[in-house]
Amino acid sequence: LQGTLMWILTVGIIYLLTLFWQNLAQNDFDSFFKI
C-alpha cells in the first residue's frame, strides 16, 4: 500500500517537474527566480 502510494506520488512529482521545466524552456528561461 505505502509503496504504491509513494510510486504514484513519485510519478506525480516527475510529471509536475517536467511541466515546470518545459514551461521555463518555452519562455527561454527568462526568469532567474523561476530557474
Full PDB file with SEQRES, HELIX, SHEET, SSBOND, CRYST1, ORIGX, SCALE, CONECT and MASTER records, all heavy atoms in Angstrom:
SEQRES   1 A   35  LEU GLN GLY THR LEU MET TRP ILE LEU THR VAL GLY ILE          
SEQRES   2 A   35  ILE TYR LEU LEU THR LEU PHE TRP GLN ASN LEU ALA GLN          
SEQRES   3 A   35  ASN ASP PHE ASP SER PHE PHE LYS ILE                          
HELIX    1 AA1 GLN A    2  GLN A   26  1                                  25    
CRYST1    1.000    1.000    1.000  90.00  90.00  90.00 P 1           1          
ORIGX1      1.000000  0.000000  0.000000        0.00000                         
ORIGX2      0.000000  1.000000  0.000000        0.00000                         
ORIGX3      0.000000  0.000000  1.000000        0.00000                         
SCALE1      1.000000  0.000000  0.000000        0.00000                         
SCALE2      0.000000  1.000000  0.000000        0.00000                         
SCALE3      0.000000  0.000000  1.000000        0.00000                         
ATOM      1  N   LEU A   1       0.823  -1.207   0.000  1.00  0.00           N  
ATOM      2  CA  LEU A   1       0.000   0.000   0.000  1.00  0.00           C  
ATOM      3  C   LEU A   1       0.860   1.261   0.000  1.00  0.00           C  
ATOM      4  O   LEU A   1       0.712   2.136  -0.872  1.00  0.00           O  
ATOM      5  CB  LEU A   1      -0.943   0.009   1.199  1.00  0.00           C  
ATOM      6  CG  LEU A   1      -1.854   1.245   1.330  1.00  0.00           C  
ATOM      7  CD1 LEU A   1      -2.715   1.402   0.082  1.00  0.00           C  
ATOM      8  CD2 LEU A   1      -2.724   1.146   2.574  1.00  0.00           C  
ATOM      9  N   GLN A   2       1.764   1.377   0.974  1.00  0.00           N  
ATOM     10  CA  GLN A   2       2.596   2.575   1.047  1.00  0.00           C  
ATOM     11  C   GLN A   2       3.541   2.679  -0.148  1.00  0.00           C  
ATOM     12  O   GLN A   2       3.789   3.776  -0.657  1.00  0.00           O  
ATOM     13  CB  GLN A   2       3.395   2.589   2.354  1.00  0.00           C  
ATOM     14  CG  GLN A   2       2.576   2.970   3.566  1.00  0.00           C  
ATOM     15  CD  GLN A   2       3.437   3.446   4.726  1.00  0.00           C  
ATOM     16  OE1 GLN A   2       4.641   3.258   4.737  1.00  0.00           O  
ATOM     17  NE2 GLN A   2       2.806   4.050   5.717  1.00  0.00           N  
ATOM     18  N   GLY A   3       4.070   1.540  -0.579  1.00  0.00           N  
ATOM     19  CA  GLY A   3       4.954   1.559  -1.741  1.00  0.00           C  
ATOM     20  C   GLY A   3       4.237   2.038  -2.987  1.00  0.00           C  
ATOM     21  O   GLY A   3       4.786   2.813  -3.782  1.00  0.00           O  
ATOM     22  N   THR A   4       2.985   1.597  -3.161  1.00  0.00           N  
ATOM     23  CA  THR A   4       2.196   2.011  -4.323  1.00  0.00           C  
ATOM     24  C   THR A   4       1.835   3.491  -4.241  1.00  0.00           C  
ATOM     25  O   THR A   4       1.920   4.223  -5.241  1.00  0.00           O  
ATOM     26  CB  THR A   4       0.913   1.166  -4.430  1.00  0.00           C  
ATOM     27  OG1 THR A   4       1.272  -0.220  -4.513  1.00  0.00           O  
ATOM     28  CG2 THR A   4       0.118   1.554  -5.665  1.00  0.00           C  
ATOM     29  N   LEU A   5       1.449   3.949  -3.053  1.00  0.00           N  
ATOM     30  CA  LEU A   5       1.142   5.370  -2.869  1.00  0.00           C  
ATOM     31  C   LEU A   5       2.371   6.231  -3.157  1.00  0.00           C  
ATOM     32  O   LEU A   5       2.271   7.283  -3.805  1.00  0.00           O  
ATOM     33  CB  LEU A   5       0.656   5.623  -1.436  1.00  0.00           C  
ATOM     34  CG  LEU A   5      -0.744   5.124  -1.090  1.00  0.00           C  
ATOM     35  CD1 LEU A   5      -1.040   5.338   0.394  1.00  0.00           C  
ATOM     36  CD2 LEU A   5      -1.800   5.837  -1.929  1.00  0.00           C  
ATOM     37  N   MET A   6       3.532   5.772  -2.690  1.00  0.00           N  
ATOM     38  CA  MET A   6       4.764   6.526  -2.915  1.00  0.00           C  
ATOM     39  C   MET A   6       5.137   6.524  -4.392  1.00  0.00           C  
ATOM     40  O   MET A   6       5.640   7.523  -4.916  1.00  0.00           O  
ATOM     41  CB  MET A   6       5.901   5.923  -2.072  1.00  0.00           C  
ATOM     42  CG  MET A   6       7.137   6.820  -2.017  1.00  0.00           C  
ATOM     43  SD  MET A   6       6.761   8.415  -1.248  1.00  0.00           S  
ATOM     44  CE  MET A   6       7.700   9.525  -2.314  1.00  0.00           C  
ATOM     45  N   TRP A   7       4.859   5.429  -5.078  1.00  0.00           N  
ATOM     46  CA  TRP A   7       5.135   5.351  -6.508  1.00  0.00           C  
ATOM     47  C   TRP A   7       4.232   6.308  -7.287  1.00  0.00           C  
ATOM     48  O   TRP A   7       4.690   6.998  -8.204  1.00  0.00           O  
ATOM     49  CB  TRP A   7       4.951   3.917  -6.988  1.00  0.00           C  
ATOM     50  CG  TRP A   7       5.043   3.732  -8.469  1.00  0.00           C  
ATOM     51  CD1 TRP A   7       4.099   3.217  -9.309  1.00  0.00           C  
ATOM     52  CD2 TRP A   7       6.161   4.056  -9.318  1.00  0.00           C  
ATOM     53  NE1 TRP A   7       4.544   3.197 -10.606  1.00  0.00           N  
ATOM     54  CE2 TRP A   7       5.807   3.716 -10.643  1.00  0.00           C  
ATOM     55  CE3 TRP A   7       7.424   4.613  -9.079  1.00  0.00           C  
ATOM     56  CZ2 TRP A   7       6.660   3.902 -11.723  1.00  0.00           C  
ATOM     57  CZ3 TRP A   7       8.277   4.813 -10.160  1.00  0.00           C  
ATOM     58  CH2 TRP A   7       7.892   4.449 -11.454  1.00  0.00           C  
ATOM     59  N   ILE A   8       2.946   6.355  -6.925  1.00  0.00           N  
ATOM     60  CA  ILE A   8       2.019   7.288  -7.576  1.00  0.00           C  
ATOM     61  C   ILE A   8       2.469   8.730  -7.330  1.00  0.00           C  
ATOM     62  O   ILE A   8       2.451   9.573  -8.246  1.00  0.00           O  
ATOM     63  CB  ILE A   8       0.583   7.073  -7.056  1.00  0.00           C  
ATOM     64  CG1 ILE A   8       0.061   5.698  -7.495  1.00  0.00           C  
ATOM     65  CG2 ILE A   8      -0.345   8.179  -7.549  1.00  0.00           C  
ATOM     66  CD1 ILE A   8      -1.255   5.309  -6.861  1.00  0.00           C  
ATOM     67  N   LEU A   9       2.897   9.022  -6.091  1.00  0.00           N  
ATOM     68  CA  LEU A   9       3.395  10.358  -5.775  1.00  0.00           C  
ATOM     69  C   LEU A   9       4.659  10.670  -6.568  1.00  0.00           C  
ATOM     70  O   LEU A   9       4.841  11.800  -7.041  1.00  0.00           O  
ATOM     71  CB  LEU A   9       3.674  10.469  -4.273  1.00  0.00           C  
ATOM     72  CG  LEU A   9       4.199  11.818  -3.767  1.00  0.00           C  
ATOM     73  CD1 LEU A   9       3.207  12.940  -4.073  1.00  0.00           C  
ATOM     74  CD2 LEU A   9       4.493  11.761  -2.272  1.00  0.00           C  
ATOM     75  N   THR A  10       5.517   9.675  -6.723  1.00  0.00           N  
ATOM     76  CA  THR A  10       6.756   9.849  -7.494  1.00  0.00           C  
ATOM     77  C   THR A  10       6.447  10.214  -8.940  1.00  0.00           C  
ATOM     78  O   THR A  10       7.051  11.145  -9.505  1.00  0.00           O  
ATOM     79  CB  THR A  10       7.598   8.559  -7.461  1.00  0.00           C  
ATOM     80  OG1 THR A  10       7.946   8.254  -6.106  1.00  0.00           O  
ATOM     81  CG2 THR A  10       8.864   8.715  -8.299  1.00  0.00           C  
ATOM     82  N   VAL A  11       5.519   9.495  -9.545  1.00  0.00           N  
ATOM     83  CA  VAL A  11       5.119   9.790 -10.929  1.00  0.00           C  
ATOM     84  C   VAL A  11       4.544  11.197 -11.014  1.00  0.00           C  
ATOM     85  O   VAL A  11       4.833  11.941 -11.965  1.00  0.00           O  
ATOM     86  CB  VAL A  11       4.093   8.754 -11.424  1.00  0.00           C  
ATOM     87  CG1 VAL A  11       3.548   9.138 -12.800  1.00  0.00           C  
ATOM     88  CG2 VAL A  11       4.723   7.363 -11.484  1.00  0.00           C  
ATOM     89  N   GLY A  12       3.738  11.577 -10.018  1.00  0.00           N  
ATOM     90  CA  GLY A  12       3.171  12.926  -9.989  1.00  0.00           C  
ATOM     91  C   GLY A  12       4.241  13.997  -9.881  1.00  0.00           C  
ATOM     92  O   GLY A  12       4.176  15.032 -10.573  1.00  0.00           O  
ATOM     93  N   ILE A  13       5.255  13.757  -9.033  1.00  0.00           N  
ATOM     94  CA  ILE A  13       6.353  14.718  -8.874  1.00  0.00           C  
ATOM     95  C   ILE A  13       7.118  14.874 -10.184  1.00  0.00           C  
ATOM     96  O   ILE A  13       7.430  15.990 -10.615  1.00  0.00           O  
ATOM     97  CB  ILE A  13       7.303  14.263  -7.741  1.00  0.00           C  
ATOM     98  CG1 ILE A  13       6.607  14.414  -6.369  1.00  0.00           C  
ATOM     99  CG2 ILE A  13       8.595  15.076  -7.759  1.00  0.00           C  
ATOM    100  CD1 ILE A  13       7.394  13.843  -5.218  1.00  0.00           C  
ATOM    101  N   ILE A  14       7.415  13.745 -10.828  1.00  0.00           N  
ATOM    102  CA  ILE A  14       8.138  13.778 -12.105  1.00  0.00           C  
ATOM    103  C   ILE A  14       7.340  14.541 -13.156  1.00  0.00           C  
ATOM    104  O   ILE A  14       7.885  15.368 -13.906  1.00  0.00           O  
ATOM    105  CB  ILE A  14       8.432  12.352 -12.595  1.00  0.00           C  
ATOM    106  CG1 ILE A  14       9.412  11.659 -11.642  1.00  0.00           C  
ATOM    107  CG2 ILE A  14       8.996  12.370 -14.016  1.00  0.00           C  
ATOM    108  CD1 ILE A  14       9.611  10.188 -11.931  1.00  0.00           C  
ATOM    109  N   TYR A  15       6.031  14.287 -13.200  1.00  0.00           N  
ATOM    110  CA  TYR A  15       5.168  14.942 -14.185  1.00  0.00           C  
ATOM    111  C   TYR A  15       5.138  16.459 -13.967  1.00  0.00           C  
ATOM    112  O   TYR A  15       5.304  17.240 -14.918  1.00  0.00           O  
ATOM    113  CB  TYR A  15       3.762  14.363 -14.081  1.00  0.00           C  
ATOM    114  CG  TYR A  15       2.762  15.013 -15.012  1.00  0.00           C  
ATOM    115  CD1 TYR A  15       2.807  14.790 -16.390  1.00  0.00           C  
ATOM    116  CD2 TYR A  15       1.766  15.854 -14.502  1.00  0.00           C  
ATOM    117  CE1 TYR A  15       1.890  15.389 -17.241  1.00  0.00           C  
ATOM    118  CE2 TYR A  15       0.852  16.453 -15.348  1.00  0.00           C  
ATOM    119  CZ  TYR A  15       0.913  16.221 -16.711  1.00  0.00           C  
ATOM    120  OH  TYR A  15       0.012  16.822 -17.548  1.00  0.00           O  
ATOM    121  N   LEU A  16       4.941  16.882 -12.715  1.00  0.00           N  
ATOM    122  CA  LEU A  16       4.858  18.313 -12.428  1.00  0.00           C  
ATOM    123  C   LEU A  16       6.181  19.025 -12.681  1.00  0.00           C  
ATOM    124  O   LEU A  16       6.203  20.144 -13.213  1.00  0.00           O  
ATOM    125  CB  LEU A  16       4.416  18.514 -10.971  1.00  0.00           C  
ATOM    126  CG  LEU A  16       2.971  18.123 -10.651  1.00  0.00           C  
ATOM    127  CD1 LEU A  16       2.691  18.264  -9.161  1.00  0.00           C  
ATOM    128  CD2 LEU A  16       1.986  18.959 -11.456  1.00  0.00           C  
ATOM    129  N   LEU A  17       7.289  18.383 -12.294  1.00  0.00           N  
ATOM    130  CA  LEU A  17       8.594  18.996 -12.528  1.00  0.00           C  
ATOM    131  C   LEU A  17       8.888  19.101 -14.027  1.00  0.00           C  
ATOM    132  O   LEU A  17       9.478  20.085 -14.485  1.00  0.00           O  
ATOM    133  CB  LEU A  17       9.688  18.180 -11.833  1.00  0.00           C  
ATOM    134  CG  LEU A  17       9.740  18.283 -10.303  1.00  0.00           C  
ATOM    135  CD1 LEU A  17      10.788  17.337  -9.736  1.00  0.00           C  
ATOM    136  CD2 LEU A  17      10.027  19.725  -9.858  1.00  0.00           C  
ATOM    137  N   THR A  18       8.466  18.076 -14.774  1.00  0.00           N  
ATOM    138  CA  THR A  18       8.654  18.112 -16.225  1.00  0.00           C  
ATOM    139  C   THR A  18       7.891  19.280 -16.845  1.00  0.00           C  
ATOM    140  O   THR A  18       8.413  20.004 -17.700  1.00  0.00           O  
ATOM    141  CB  THR A  18       8.195  16.787 -16.861  1.00  0.00           C  
ATOM    142  OG1 THR A  18       8.943  15.708 -16.302  1.00  0.00           O  
ATOM    143  CG2 THR A  18       8.395  16.815 -18.365  1.00  0.00           C  
ATOM    144  N   LEU A  19       6.646  19.475 -16.411  1.00  0.00           N  
ATOM    145  CA  LEU A  19       5.848  20.601 -16.909  1.00  0.00           C  
ATOM    146  C   LEU A  19       6.490  21.935 -16.556  1.00  0.00           C  
ATOM    147  O   LEU A  19       6.514  22.868 -17.384  1.00  0.00           O  
ATOM    148  CB  LEU A  19       4.438  20.540 -16.318  1.00  0.00           C  
ATOM    149  CG  LEU A  19       3.505  19.431 -16.815  1.00  0.00           C  
ATOM    150  CD1 LEU A  19       2.155  19.536 -16.120  1.00  0.00           C  
ATOM    151  CD2 LEU A  19       3.324  19.514 -18.336  1.00  0.00           C  
ATOM    152  N   PHE A  20       7.015  22.013 -15.334  1.00  0.00           N  
ATOM    153  CA  PHE A  20       7.651  23.255 -14.882  1.00  0.00           C  
ATOM    154  C   PHE A  20       8.858  23.590 -15.756  1.00  0.00           C  
ATOM    155  O   PHE A  20       9.014  24.721 -16.240  1.00  0.00           O  
ATOM    156  CB  PHE A  20       8.071  23.112 -13.421  1.00  0.00           C  
ATOM    157  CG  PHE A  20       8.309  24.416 -12.713  1.00  0.00           C  
ATOM    158  CD1 PHE A  20       8.472  24.445 -11.338  1.00  0.00           C  
ATOM    159  CD2 PHE A  20       8.382  25.627 -13.401  1.00  0.00           C  
ATOM    160  CE1 PHE A  20       8.687  25.649 -10.669  1.00  0.00           C  
ATOM    161  CE2 PHE A  20       8.595  26.824 -12.752  1.00  0.00           C  
ATOM    162  CZ  PHE A  20       8.762  26.826 -11.379  1.00  0.00           C  
ATOM    163  N   TRP A  21       9.718  22.595 -15.993  1.00  0.00           N  
ATOM    164  CA  TRP A  21      10.911  22.825 -16.804  1.00  0.00           C  
ATOM    165  C   TRP A  21      10.557  23.100 -18.267  1.00  0.00           C  
ATOM    166  O   TRP A  21      11.212  23.917 -18.933  1.00  0.00           O  
ATOM    167  CB  TRP A  21      11.857  21.626 -16.700  1.00  0.00           C  
ATOM    168  CG  TRP A  21      12.663  21.623 -15.439  1.00  0.00           C  
ATOM    169  CD1 TRP A  21      12.481  20.844 -14.333  1.00  0.00           C  
ATOM    170  CD2 TRP A  21      13.788  22.461 -15.145  1.00  0.00           C  
ATOM    171  NE1 TRP A  21      13.407  21.134 -13.366  1.00  0.00           N  
ATOM    172  CE2 TRP A  21      14.237  22.123 -13.838  1.00  0.00           C  
ATOM    173  CE3 TRP A  21      14.470  23.454 -15.852  1.00  0.00           C  
ATOM    174  CZ2 TRP A  21      15.326  22.750 -13.234  1.00  0.00           C  
ATOM    175  CZ3 TRP A  21      15.556  24.071 -15.248  1.00  0.00           C  
ATOM    176  CH2 TRP A  21      15.976  23.723 -13.954  1.00  0.00           C  
ATOM    177  N   GLN A  22       9.536  22.443 -18.772  1.00  0.00           N  
ATOM    178  CA  GLN A  22       9.092  22.703 -20.150  1.00  0.00           C  
ATOM    179  C   GLN A  22       8.595  24.129 -20.292  1.00  0.00           C  
ATOM    180  O   GLN A  22       8.856  24.798 -21.304  1.00  0.00           O  
ATOM    181  CB  GLN A  22       8.002  21.712 -20.545  1.00  0.00           C  
ATOM    182  CG  GLN A  22       8.491  20.314 -20.866  1.00  0.00           C  
ATOM    183  CD  GLN A  22       7.367  19.375 -21.250  1.00  0.00           C  
ATOM    184  OE1 GLN A  22       6.192  19.650 -21.009  1.00  0.00           O  
ATOM    185  NE2 GLN A  22       7.718  18.241 -21.855  1.00  0.00           N  
ATOM    186  N   ASN A  23       7.867  24.596 -19.283  1.00  0.00           N  
ATOM    187  CA  ASN A  23       7.377  25.974 -19.306  1.00  0.00           C  
ATOM    188  C   ASN A  23       8.529  26.969 -19.296  1.00  0.00           C  
ATOM    189  O   ASN A  23       8.507  27.984 -20.014  1.00  0.00           O  
ATOM    190  CB  ASN A  23       6.466  26.204 -18.097  1.00  0.00           C  
ATOM    191  CG  ASN A  23       5.912  27.623 -18.049  1.00  0.00           C  
ATOM    192  OD1 ASN A  23       6.451  28.485 -17.361  1.00  0.00           O  
ATOM    193  ND2 ASN A  23       4.836  27.872 -18.778  1.00  0.00           N  
ATOM    194  N   LEU A  24       9.568  26.668 -18.499  1.00  0.00           N  
ATOM    195  CA  LEU A  24      10.741  27.537 -18.473  1.00  0.00           C  
ATOM    196  C   LEU A  24      11.443  27.549 -19.828  1.00  0.00           C  
ATOM    197  O   LEU A  24      11.873  28.592 -20.317  1.00  0.00           O  
ATOM    198  CB  LEU A  24      11.720  27.063 -17.389  1.00  0.00           C  
ATOM    199  CG  LEU A  24      11.405  27.451 -15.944  1.00  0.00           C  
ATOM    200  CD1 LEU A  24      12.408  26.809 -15.000  1.00  0.00           C  
ATOM    201  CD2 LEU A  24      11.426  28.955 -15.775  1.00  0.00           C  
ATOM    202  N   ALA A  25      11.556  26.376 -20.440  1.00  0.00           N  
ATOM    203  CA  ALA A  25      12.229  26.272 -21.735  1.00  0.00           C  
ATOM    204  C   ALA A  25      11.468  27.028 -22.828  1.00  0.00           C  
ATOM    205  O   ALA A  25      12.071  27.677 -23.690  1.00  0.00           O  
ATOM    206  CB  ALA A  25      12.390  24.805 -22.120  1.00  0.00           C  
ATOM    207  N   GLN A  26      10.140  26.942 -22.784  1.00  0.00           N  
ATOM    208  CA  GLN A  26       9.328  27.644 -23.789  1.00  0.00           C  
ATOM    209  C   GLN A  26       9.464  29.150 -23.686  1.00  0.00           C  
ATOM    210  O   GLN A  26       9.297  29.867 -24.665  1.00  0.00           O  
ATOM    211  CB  GLN A  26       7.859  27.228 -23.642  1.00  0.00           C  
ATOM    212  CG  GLN A  26       7.583  25.791 -24.077  1.00  0.00           C  
ATOM    213  CD  GLN A  26       6.166  25.365 -23.746  1.00  0.00           C  
ATOM    214  OE1 GLN A  26       5.393  26.105 -23.133  1.00  0.00           O  
ATOM    215  NE2 GLN A  26       5.814  24.143 -24.154  1.00  0.00           N  
ATOM    216  N   ASN A  27       9.770  29.606 -22.458  1.00  0.00           N  
ATOM    217  CA  ASN A  27       9.960  31.046 -22.246  1.00  0.00           C  
ATOM    218  C   ASN A  27      11.428  31.435 -22.239  1.00  0.00           C  
ATOM    219  O   ASN A  27      11.794  32.509 -21.743  1.00  0.00           O  
ATOM    220  CB  ASN A  27       9.300  31.462 -20.923  1.00  0.00           C  
ATOM    221  CG  ASN A  27       7.784  31.386 -20.976  1.00  0.00           C  
ATOM    222  OD1 ASN A  27       7.127  32.236 -21.563  1.00  0.00           O  
ATOM    223  ND2 ASN A  27       7.228  30.349 -20.371  1.00  0.00           N  
ATOM    224  N   ASP A  28      12.271  30.533 -22.791  1.00  0.00           N  
ATOM    225  CA  ASP A  28      13.715  30.792 -22.916  1.00  0.00           C  
ATOM    226  C   ASP A  28      14.374  31.101 -21.575  1.00  0.00           C  
ATOM    227  O   ASP A  28      15.304  31.918 -21.503  1.00  0.00           O  
ATOM    228  CB  ASP A  28      13.971  31.945 -23.903  1.00  0.00           C  
ATOM    229  CG  ASP A  28      13.486  31.608 -25.304  1.00  0.00           C  
ATOM    230  OD1 ASP A  28      13.623  30.435 -25.708  1.00  0.00           O  
ATOM    231  OD2 ASP A  28      12.963  32.505 -25.980  1.00  0.00           O  
ATOM    232  N   PHE A  29      13.869  30.482 -20.522  1.00  0.00           N  
ATOM    233  CA  PHE A  29      14.452  30.641 -19.183  1.00  0.00           C  
ATOM    234  C   PHE A  29      14.613  32.122 -18.838  1.00  0.00           C  
ATOM    235  O   PHE A  29      15.679  32.582 -18.414  1.00  0.00           O  
ATOM    236  CB  PHE A  29      15.809  29.924 -19.094  1.00  0.00           C  
ATOM    237  CG  PHE A  29      15.727  28.449 -19.357  1.00  0.00           C  
ATOM    238  CD1 PHE A  29      16.012  27.927 -20.615  1.00  0.00           C  
ATOM    239  CD2 PHE A  29      15.335  27.572 -18.354  1.00  0.00           C  
ATOM    240  CE1 PHE A  29      15.925  26.567 -20.861  1.00  0.00           C  
ATOM    241  CE2 PHE A  29      15.249  26.199 -18.590  1.00  0.00           C  
ATOM    242  CZ  PHE A  29      15.538  25.703 -19.844  1.00  0.00           C  
ATOM    243  N   ASP A  30      13.523  32.877 -19.063  1.00  0.00           N  
ATOM    244  CA  ASP A  30      13.581  34.327 -18.908  1.00  0.00           C  
ATOM    245  C   ASP A  30      13.542  34.793 -17.460  1.00  0.00           C  
ATOM    246  O   ASP A  30      13.836  35.949 -17.179  1.00  0.00           O  
ATOM    247  CB  ASP A  30      12.430  34.985 -19.684  1.00  0.00           C  
ATOM    248  CG  ASP A  30      11.068  34.460 -19.210  1.00  0.00           C  
ATOM    249  OD1 ASP A  30      11.039  33.425 -18.514  1.00  0.00           O  
ATOM    250  OD2 ASP A  30      10.054  35.085 -19.565  1.00  0.00           O  
ATOM    251  N   SER A  31      13.161  33.905 -16.524  1.00  0.00           N  
ATOM    252  CA  SER A  31      13.044  34.323 -15.128  1.00  0.00           C  
ATOM    253  C   SER A  31      14.093  33.609 -14.277  1.00  0.00           C  
ATOM    254  O   SER A  31      14.056  32.391 -14.112  1.00  0.00           O  
ATOM    255  CB  SER A  31      11.639  34.006 -14.600  1.00  0.00           C  
ATOM    256  OG  SER A  31      11.566  34.250 -13.209  1.00  0.00           O  
ATOM    257  N   PHE A  32      15.037  34.383 -13.730  1.00  0.00           N  
ATOM    258  CA  PHE A  32      16.075  33.813 -12.871  1.00  0.00           C  
ATOM    259  C   PHE A  32      15.456  33.190 -11.619  1.00  0.00           C  
ATOM    260  O   PHE A  32      15.878  32.115 -11.160  1.00  0.00           O  
ATOM    261  CB  PHE A  32      17.077  34.904 -12.478  1.00  0.00           C  
ATOM    262  CG  PHE A  32      18.175  34.401 -11.576  1.00  0.00           C  
ATOM    263  CD1 PHE A  32      19.222  33.644 -12.096  1.00  0.00           C  
ATOM    264  CD2 PHE A  32      18.153  34.685 -10.226  1.00  0.00           C  
ATOM    265  CE1 PHE A  32      20.231  33.180 -11.268  1.00  0.00           C  
ATOM    266  CE2 PHE A  32      19.164  34.234  -9.380  1.00  0.00           C  
ATOM    267  CZ  PHE A  32      20.206  33.478  -9.909  1.00  0.00           C  
ATOM    268  N   PHE A  33      14.431  33.854 -11.076  1.00  0.00           N  
ATOM    269  CA  PHE A  33      13.766  33.341  -9.877  1.00  0.00           C  
ATOM    270  C   PHE A  33      13.138  31.975 -10.142  1.00  0.00           C  
ATOM    271  O   PHE A  33      13.255  31.054  -9.327  1.00  0.00           O  
ATOM    272  CB  PHE A  33      12.698  34.330  -9.415  1.00  0.00           C  
ATOM    273  CG  PHE A  33      11.832  33.806  -8.310  1.00  0.00           C  
ATOM    274  CD1 PHE A  33      12.289  33.730  -7.007  1.00  0.00           C  
ATOM    275  CD2 PHE A  33      10.529  33.335  -8.587  1.00  0.00           C  
ATOM    276  CE1 PHE A  33      11.491  33.223  -5.985  1.00  0.00           C  
ATOM    277  CE2 PHE A  33       9.732  32.840  -7.585  1.00  0.00           C  
ATOM    278  CZ  PHE A  33      10.205  32.781  -6.281  1.00  0.00           C  
ATOM    279  N   LYS A  34      12.495  31.823 -11.290  1.00  0.00           N  
ATOM    280  CA  LYS A  34      11.856  30.553 -11.627  1.00  0.00           C  
ATOM    281  C   LYS A  34      12.880  29.443 -11.839  1.00  0.00           C  
ATOM    282  O   LYS A  34      12.639  28.285 -11.506  1.00  0.00           O  
ATOM    283  CB  LYS A  34      10.988  30.715 -12.873  1.00  0.00           C  
ATOM    284  CG  LYS A  34       9.703  31.491 -12.640  1.00  0.00           C  
ATOM    285  CD  LYS A  34       8.853  31.529 -13.906  1.00  0.00           C  
ATOM    286  CE  LYS A  34       7.558  32.284 -13.678  1.00  0.00           C  
ATOM    287  NZ  LYS A  34       6.724  32.335 -14.919  1.00  0.00           N  
ATOM    288  N   ILE A  35      14.022  29.802 -12.387  1.00  0.00           N  
ATOM    289  CA  ILE A  35      15.082  28.810 -12.597  1.00  0.00           C  
ATOM    290  C   ILE A  35      15.582  28.280 -11.243  1.00  0.00           C  
ATOM    291  O   ILE A  35      15.722  27.074 -11.048  1.00  0.00           O  
ATOM    292  CB  ILE A  35      16.253  29.420 -13.398  1.00  0.00           C  
ATOM    293  CG1 ILE A  35      15.799  29.760 -14.818  1.00  0.00           C  
ATOM    294  CG2 ILE A  35      17.441  28.455 -13.437  1.00  0.00           C  
ATOM    295  CD1 ILE A  35      16.839  30.516 -15.624  1.00  0.00           C  
TER     296      ILE A  35                                                      
MASTER        0    0    0    1    0    0    0    6  295    1    0    3          
END                                                                             
